[in-house]
C-alpha atoms as a PDB file:
ATOM      1  CA  MET A   1     -62.370  -1.788 -74.045  1.00  0.00           C
ATOM      2  CA  ARG A   2     -64.193  -3.411 -71.123  1.00  0.00           C
ATOM      3  CA  ALA A   3     -64.757  -0.014 -69.519  1.00  0.00           C
ATOM      4  CA  ASP A   4     -66.685   1.134 -72.597  1.00  0.00           C
ATOM      5  CA  MET A   5     -69.026  -1.867 -72.522  1.00  0.00           C
ATOM      6  CA  ARG A   6     -71.610  -0.485 -70.105  1.00  0.00           C
ATOM      7  CA  ALA A   7     -74.770  -0.835 -72.185  1.00  0.00           C
ATOM      8  CA  ASP A   8     -77.605  -3.082 -71.059  1.00  0.00           C
ATOM      9  CA  LYS A   9     -77.059  -6.628 -72.232  1.00  0.00           C
ATOM     10  CA  LEU A  10     -79.515  -8.686 -74.229  1.00  0.00           C
ATOM     11  CA  TYR A  11     -80.144 -12.260 -73.126  1.00  0.00           C
ATOM     12  CA  PRO A  12     -81.940 -15.105 -74.892  1.00  0.00           C
ATOM     13  CA  PRO A  13     -85.473 -15.850 -73.699  1.00  0.00           C
ATOM     14  CA  SER A  14     -84.859 -19.567 -73.248  1.00  0.00           C
ATOM     15  CA  THR A  15     -82.234 -22.284 -72.836  1.00  0.00           C
ATOM     16  CA  VAL A  16     -79.012 -21.964 -74.852  1.00  0.00           C
ATOM     17  CA  TYR A  17     -77.269 -25.014 -76.282  1.00  0.00           C
ATOM     18  CA  LEU A  18     -73.743 -24.993 -77.685  1.00  0.00           C
ATOM     19  CA  VAL A  19     -72.674 -27.079 -80.660  1.00  0.00           C
ATOM     20  CA  GLU A  20     -68.917 -27.099 -81.197  1.00  0.00           C
ATOM     21  CA  SER A  21     -67.295 -28.965 -84.074  1.00  0.00           C
ATOM     22  CA  THR A  22     -63.522 -29.475 -83.974  1.00  0.00           C
ATOM     23  CA  PRO A  23     -61.623 -31.146 -86.840  1.00  0.00           C
ATOM     24  CA  GLN A  24     -59.592 -34.201 -85.798  1.00  0.00           C
ATOM     25  CA  LEU A  25     -57.268 -36.654 -87.541  1.00  0.00           C
ATOM     26  CA  HIS A  26     -57.635 -40.357 -86.798  1.00  0.00           C
ATOM     27  CA  ARG A  27     -55.323 -43.103 -87.973  1.00  0.00           C
ATOM     28  CA  HIS A  28     -56.895 -45.012 -90.797  1.00  0.00           C
ATOM     29  CA  HIS A  29     -57.880 -48.478 -89.503  1.00  0.00           C
ATOM     30  CA  HIS A  30     -57.083 -50.169 -92.834  1.00  0.00           C
ATOM     31  CA  HIS A  31     -53.569 -48.678 -92.814  1.00  0.00           C
ATOM     32  CA  GLN A  32     -52.907 -50.119 -89.336  1.00  0.00           C
ATOM     33  CA  GLN A  33     -53.994 -53.587 -90.471  1.00  0.00           C
ATOM     34  CA  LEU A  34     -51.670 -53.460 -93.474  1.00  0.00           C
ATOM     35  CA  GLN A  35     -48.758 -52.357 -91.304  1.00  0.00           C
ATOM     36  CA  GLN A  36     -49.368 -55.284 -88.945  1.00  0.00           C
ATOM     37  CA  GLN A  37     -49.356 -57.679 -91.905  1.00  0.00           C
ATOM     38  CA  GLY A  38     -46.030 -56.251 -93.110  1.00  0.00           C
ATOM     39  CA  ARG A  39     -47.380 -54.832 -96.374  1.00  0.00           C
ATOM     40  CA  ARG A  40     -47.180 -51.310 -97.618  1.00  0.00           C
ATOM     41  CA  GLY A  41     -50.646 -49.930 -97.643  1.00  0.00           C
ATOM     42  CA  SER A  42     -52.454 -46.963 -98.969  1.00  0.00           C
ATOM     43  CA  LYS A  43     -50.801 -43.574 -98.853  1.00  0.00           C
ATOM     44  CA  ARG A  44     -53.601 -42.243 -96.704  1.00  0.00           C
ATOM     45  CA  LYS A  45     -52.629 -42.891 -93.106  1.00  0.00           C
ATOM     46  CA  HIS A  46     -55.216 -40.637 -91.516  1.00  0.00           C
ATOM     47  CA  LYS A  47     -58.854 -39.954 -92.146  1.00  0.00           C
ATOM     48  CA  ARG A  48     -60.665 -36.739 -91.417  1.00  0.00           C
ATOM     49  CA  ALA A  49     -63.038 -36.716 -88.499  1.00  0.00           C
ATOM     50  CA  HIS A  50     -64.807 -34.177 -86.326  1.00  0.00           C
ATOM     51  CA  GLN A  51     -65.395 -34.076 -82.635  1.00  0.00           C
ATOM     52  CA  VAL A  52     -68.835 -32.557 -82.158  1.00  0.00           C
ATOM     53  CA  ILE A  53     -69.903 -31.517 -78.678  1.00  0.00           C
ATOM     54  CA  PHE A  54     -73.485 -30.656 -77.774  1.00  0.00           C
ATOM     55  CA  GLU A  55     -73.951 -29.124 -74.348  1.00  0.00           C
ATOM     56  CA  ARG A  56     -76.295 -26.900 -72.419  1.00  0.00           C
ATOM     57  CA  CYS A  57     -75.012 -23.449 -71.484  1.00  0.00           C
ATOM     58  CA  ASP A  58     -76.108 -22.808 -67.906  1.00  0.00           C
ATOM     59  CA  ASP A  59     -74.348 -19.461 -67.398  1.00  0.00           C
ATOM     60  CA  VAL A  60     -75.025 -17.399 -70.521  1.00  0.00           C
ATOM     61  CA  GLN A  61     -73.715 -14.168 -69.013  1.00  0.00           C
ATOM     62  CA  THR A  62     -70.292 -15.614 -68.214  1.00  0.00           C
ATOM     63  CA  ARG A  63     -69.979 -17.576 -71.471  1.00  0.00           C
ATOM     64  CA  PHE A  64     -70.887 -14.684 -73.772  1.00  0.00           C
ATOM     65  CA  SER A  65     -69.837 -11.628 -71.750  1.00  0.00           C
ATOM     66  CA  GLU A  66     -66.779 -10.910 -73.923  1.00  0.00           C
ATOM     67  CA  ILE A  67     -66.025 -11.293 -77.606  1.00  0.00           C
ATOM     68  CA  VAL A  68     -63.470 -13.979 -78.420  1.00  0.00           C
ATOM     69  CA  PHE A  69     -61.420 -12.905 -81.437  1.00  0.00           C
ATOM     70  CA  SER A  70     -60.105 -15.515 -83.856  1.00  0.00           C
ATOM     71  CA  ARG A  71     -59.189 -15.853 -87.528  1.00  0.00           C
ATOM     72  CA  THR A  72     -62.389 -17.722 -88.284  1.00  0.00           C
ATOM     73  CA  MET A  73     -64.815 -15.881 -86.022  1.00  0.00           C
ATOM     74  CA  PHE A  74     -67.013 -14.692 -88.897  1.00  0.00           C
ATOM     75  CA  THR A  75     -67.030 -17.877 -90.957  1.00  0.00           C
ATOM     76  CA  ASP A  76     -67.665 -19.983 -87.828  1.00  0.00           C
ATOM     77  CA  HIS A  77     -71.125 -18.448 -87.588  1.00  0.00           C
ATOM     78  CA  ALA A  78     -72.179 -18.803 -91.216  1.00  0.00           C
ATOM     79  CA  PRO A  79     -75.431 -20.789 -91.623  1.00  0.00           C
ATOM     80  CA  ASN A  80     -73.710 -23.629 -93.485  1.00  0.00           C
ATOM     81  CA  MET A  81     -71.338 -24.148 -90.537  1.00  0.00           C
ATOM     82  CA  TYR A  82     -74.306 -24.603 -88.189  1.00  0.00           C
ATOM     83  CA  GLU A  83     -75.924 -27.032 -90.629  1.00  0.00           C
ATOM     84  CA  ASN A  84     -72.707 -29.057 -90.991  1.00  0.00           C
ATOM     85  CA  ALA A  85     -72.175 -29.255 -87.224  1.00  0.00           C
ATOM     86  CA  ILE A  86     -75.749 -30.403 -86.606  1.00  0.00           C
ATOM     87  CA  ARG A  87     -75.508 -32.937 -89.455  1.00  0.00           C
ATOM     88  CA  LYS A  88     -72.273 -34.374 -88.001  1.00  0.00           C
ATOM     89  CA  LEU A  89     -73.810 -34.468 -84.538  1.00  0.00           C
ATOM     90  CA  ALA A  90     -76.812 -36.405 -85.858  1.00  0.00           C
ATOM     91  CA  GLN A  91     -74.575 -38.809 -87.819  1.00  0.00           C
ATOM     92  CA  GLY A  92     -72.457 -39.501 -84.752  1.00  0.00           C
ATOM     93  CA  TYR A  93     -75.440 -39.973 -82.474  1.00  0.00           C
ATOM     94  CA  PHE A  94     -77.602 -42.119 -84.724  1.00  0.00           C
ATOM     95  CA  SER A  95     -74.765 -44.265 -86.095  1.00  0.00           C
ATOM     96  CA  SER A  96     -73.735 -45.211 -82.544  1.00  0.00           C
ATOM     97  CA  CYS A  97     -77.234 -46.460 -81.604  1.00  0.00           C
END
């Protein structure tokens, strides 16, 4: 497949930034307090969280030279996914200030 990819490549005219959002599970703080007190707490031990990384892509050619196939490769690039990642990034940044 690589041998067939000989066409001229298109590159963005400016700086490229990557926003990656990865789902995480964190132990629920309230559940830990109840366990320390010896009581049975809520059934929800974990809360949903996202790790959002914002970084500058210095080597566009290397980063995007090949297609990375995954189960979610099409839905990952839907407009609502970009909006959600940017919203979570802003929430994480501004709530920590």
